[in-house]
Amino acid sequence: MLDRIKALFTSSNDNEPDQVRPSLAAAALMFEVVWADHDVSGDELATMSALLQELFSLSPAQVDSLIDLTRANHDASVGVFPFTRALNDQLSQDEKFDVLKAMWTIALADAQIDAFEEHTIRRIADLLYIPHQRFIEAKLAARDA
């Protein structure tokens, strides 16, 4: 069991065993958006689950484990930097844009964007080195989807 949890945190690349997997990093950042307004809604979690399955080709069981792990470790988290760093190191600019768009989709899942959600997404976008124009593009793409 401990090995399964450890495997979620580490990269499949043996040369970098302590690197956070992109799927876990994205899940942690997505949960920051879900939690930003301190109202963890079922709609937001369902949207997060579907997006993680789509973006990272994960099974529903893998996503459930990932979300459970993310929720369990959220209070002990030291911030978003380790997760944004993992995505910067392992994803292309287009892949990071897709994660950003997913965060906007999650924020819109309950039909309103809270100011704290928008602030959280803006902060993450800055740490992912996504320019403001692409930040707005992601927001509009999520809204229009």
Protein backbone atom coordinates (compact mmCIF):
# COMPACT_ATOMS: atom_id res chain seq x y z
CA MET A 1 0.00 0.00 0.00
CA LEU A 2 2.77 2.43 0.93
CA ASP A 3 4.53 1.64 -2.36
CA ARG A 4 1.37 2.51 -4.32
CA ILE A 5 1.12 5.88 -2.58
CA LYS A 6 4.84 6.54 -3.08
CA ALA A 7 4.47 5.65 -6.77
CA LEU A 8 1.91 8.43 -7.18
CA PHE A 9 4.45 10.97 -5.96
CA THR A 10 7.45 9.88 -7.94
CA SER A 11 8.22 10.06 -11.60
CA SER A 12 8.42 6.94 -13.71
CA ASN A 13 11.83 8.19 -14.80
CA ASP A 14 14.44 6.35 -12.70
CA ASN A 15 16.94 9.17 -13.23
CA GLU A 16 14.69 11.52 -11.24
CA PRO A 17 13.12 9.41 -8.49
CA ASP A 18 12.07 12.33 -6.27
CA GLN A 19 10.23 14.24 -8.97
CA VAL A 20 6.48 14.70 -8.54
CA ARG A 21 4.41 13.08 -11.28
CA PRO A 22 2.59 15.58 -13.52
CA SER A 23 -0.77 13.98 -12.75
CA LEU A 24 -0.27 14.45 -9.00
CA ALA A 25 1.03 17.98 -9.45
CA ALA A 26 -1.97 18.88 -11.61
CA ALA A 27 -4.36 17.26 -9.12
CA ALA A 28 -2.84 19.23 -6.25
CA LEU A 29 -3.15 22.49 -8.19
CA MET A 30 -6.70 21.68 -9.28
CA PHE A 31 -7.63 20.96 -5.68
CA GLU A 32 -6.23 24.38 -4.71
CA VAL A 33 -8.87 25.85 -7.04
CA VAL A 34 -11.61 23.59 -5.63
CA TRP A 35 -10.67 24.61 -2.09
CA ALA A 36 -10.02 28.31 -2.80
CA ASP A 37 -13.51 29.40 -1.78
CA HIS A 38 -13.55 26.93 1.15
CA ASP A 39 -16.57 25.20 -0.38
CA VAL A 40 -15.53 21.83 -1.82
CA SER A 41 -18.51 21.07 -4.01
CA GLY A 42 -19.39 17.75 -5.57
CA ASP A 43 -19.68 19.42 -8.98
CA GLU A 44 -16.13 20.73 -8.76
CA LEU A 45 -14.75 17.37 -7.63
CA ALA A 46 -16.61 15.54 -10.41
CA THR A 47 -15.25 18.02 -12.96
CA MET A 48 -11.75 17.63 -11.53
CA SER A 49 -12.03 13.86 -11.79
CA ALA A 50 -13.19 13.94 -15.41
CA LEU A 51 -10.45 16.39 -16.39
CA LEU A 52 -7.70 14.34 -14.73
CA GLN A 53 -8.91 11.25 -16.58
CA GLU A 54 -8.92 13.15 -19.88
CA LEU A 55 -5.62 15.02 -19.49
CA PHE A 56 -3.53 12.15 -18.13
CA SER A 57 -5.32 9.07 -19.53
CA LEU A 58 -6.02 7.72 -16.06
CA SER A 59 -8.63 5.20 -15.02
CA PRO A 60 -11.44 6.27 -12.69
CA ALA A 61 -9.85 4.22 -9.89
CA GLN A 62 -6.48 5.94 -10.40
CA VAL A 63 -8.15 9.35 -10.34
CA ASP A 64 -10.10 8.49 -7.19
CA SER A 65 -6.85 7.48 -5.47
CA LEU A 66 -5.15 10.63 -6.70
CA ILE A 67 -7.94 12.88 -5.44
CA ASP A 68 -8.08 11.08 -2.10
CA LEU A 69 -4.33 11.49 -1.70
CA THR A 70 -4.47 15.13 -2.71
CA ARG A 71 -7.29 15.87 -0.26
CA ALA A 72 -5.57 14.01 2.56
CA ASN A 73 -2.30 15.90 2.06
CA HIS A 74 -3.79 19.33 1.34
CA ASP A 75 -3.61 20.61 4.92
CA ALA A 76 0.03 19.57 5.22
CA SER A 77 0.96 21.12 1.87
CA VAL A 78 3.68 23.73 1.88
CA GLY A 79 2.19 25.61 -1.06
CA VAL A 80 1.90 25.30 -4.81
CA PHE A 81 5.52 25.85 -5.80
CA PRO A 82 6.63 22.18 -5.75
CA PHE A 83 3.71 21.32 -8.00
CA THR A 84 4.17 24.20 -10.44
CA ARG A 85 7.87 23.36 -10.59
CA ALA A 86 7.06 19.74 -11.46
CA LEU A 87 4.78 20.86 -14.28
CA ASN A 88 7.33 23.38 -15.55
CA ASP A 89 9.97 20.66 -15.59
CA GLN A 90 7.86 17.97 -17.24
CA LEU A 91 5.16 19.56 -19.42
CA SER A 92 5.24 21.62 -22.57
CA GLN A 93 3.73 25.11 -22.69
CA ASP A 94 0.64 23.70 -24.45
CA GLU A 95 0.22 20.99 -21.82
CA LYS A 96 0.50 23.56 -19.04
CA PHE A 97 -2.12 25.64 -20.87
CA ASP A 98 -4.42 22.59 -20.86
CA VAL A 99 -3.97 22.26 -17.08
CA LEU A 100 -4.73 25.98 -16.67
CA LYS A 101 -7.86 25.63 -18.81
CA ALA A 102 -8.89 22.66 -16.65
CA MET A 103 -8.57 24.84 -13.54
CA TRP A 104 -10.89 27.41 -15.10
CA THR A 105 -13.33 24.62 -15.99
CA ILE A 106 -13.31 23.48 -12.36
CA ALA A 107 -13.89 27.05 -11.14
CA LEU A 108 -16.88 27.29 -13.48
CA ALA A 109 -18.34 23.91 -12.42
CA ASP A 110 -20.59 25.54 -9.82
CA ALA A 111 -21.67 28.26 -12.31
CA GLN A 112 -19.73 31.05 -10.61
CA ILE A 113 -16.12 32.08 -10.31
CA ASP A 114 -15.24 33.16 -6.80
CA ALA A 115 -12.63 35.91 -6.44
CA PHE A 116 -10.44 33.51 -4.43
CA GLU A 117 -10.62 30.94 -7.23
CA GLU A 118 -9.59 33.53 -9.80
CA HIS A 119 -6.73 34.72 -7.59
CA THR A 120 -5.53 31.14 -7.09
CA ILE A 121 -5.60 30.44 -10.83
CA ARG A 122 -3.78 33.72 -11.57
CA ARG A 123 -1.05 32.87 -9.03
CA ILE A 124 -0.62 29.37 -10.49
CA ALA A 125 -0.55 30.75 -14.05
CA ASP A 126 2.24 33.13 -13.06
CA LEU A 127 4.25 30.28 -11.53
CA LEU A 128 3.69 28.22 -14.70
CA TYR A 129 5.07 31.12 -16.76
CA ILE A 130 1.82 31.46 -18.68
CA PRO A 131 1.42 35.02 -20.01
CA HIS A 132 -1.69 37.04 -19.16
CA GLN A 133 -3.03 36.77 -22.71
CA ARG A 134 -2.98 32.94 -22.47
CA PHE A 135 -4.48 33.19 -18.96
CA ILE A 136 -7.48 35.04 -20.44
CA GLU A 137 -7.58 32.68 -23.43
CA ALA A 138 -7.83 29.69 -21.06
CA LYS A 139 -10.62 31.39 -19.10
CA LEU A 140 -12.63 32.11 -22.24
CA ALA A 141 -12.04 28.61 -23.65
CA ALA A 142 -13.30 27.05 -20.42
CA ARG A 143 -16.31 29.35 -20.35
CA ASP A 144 -17.22 28.60 -23.97
CA ALA A 145 -16.76 24.82 -23.67
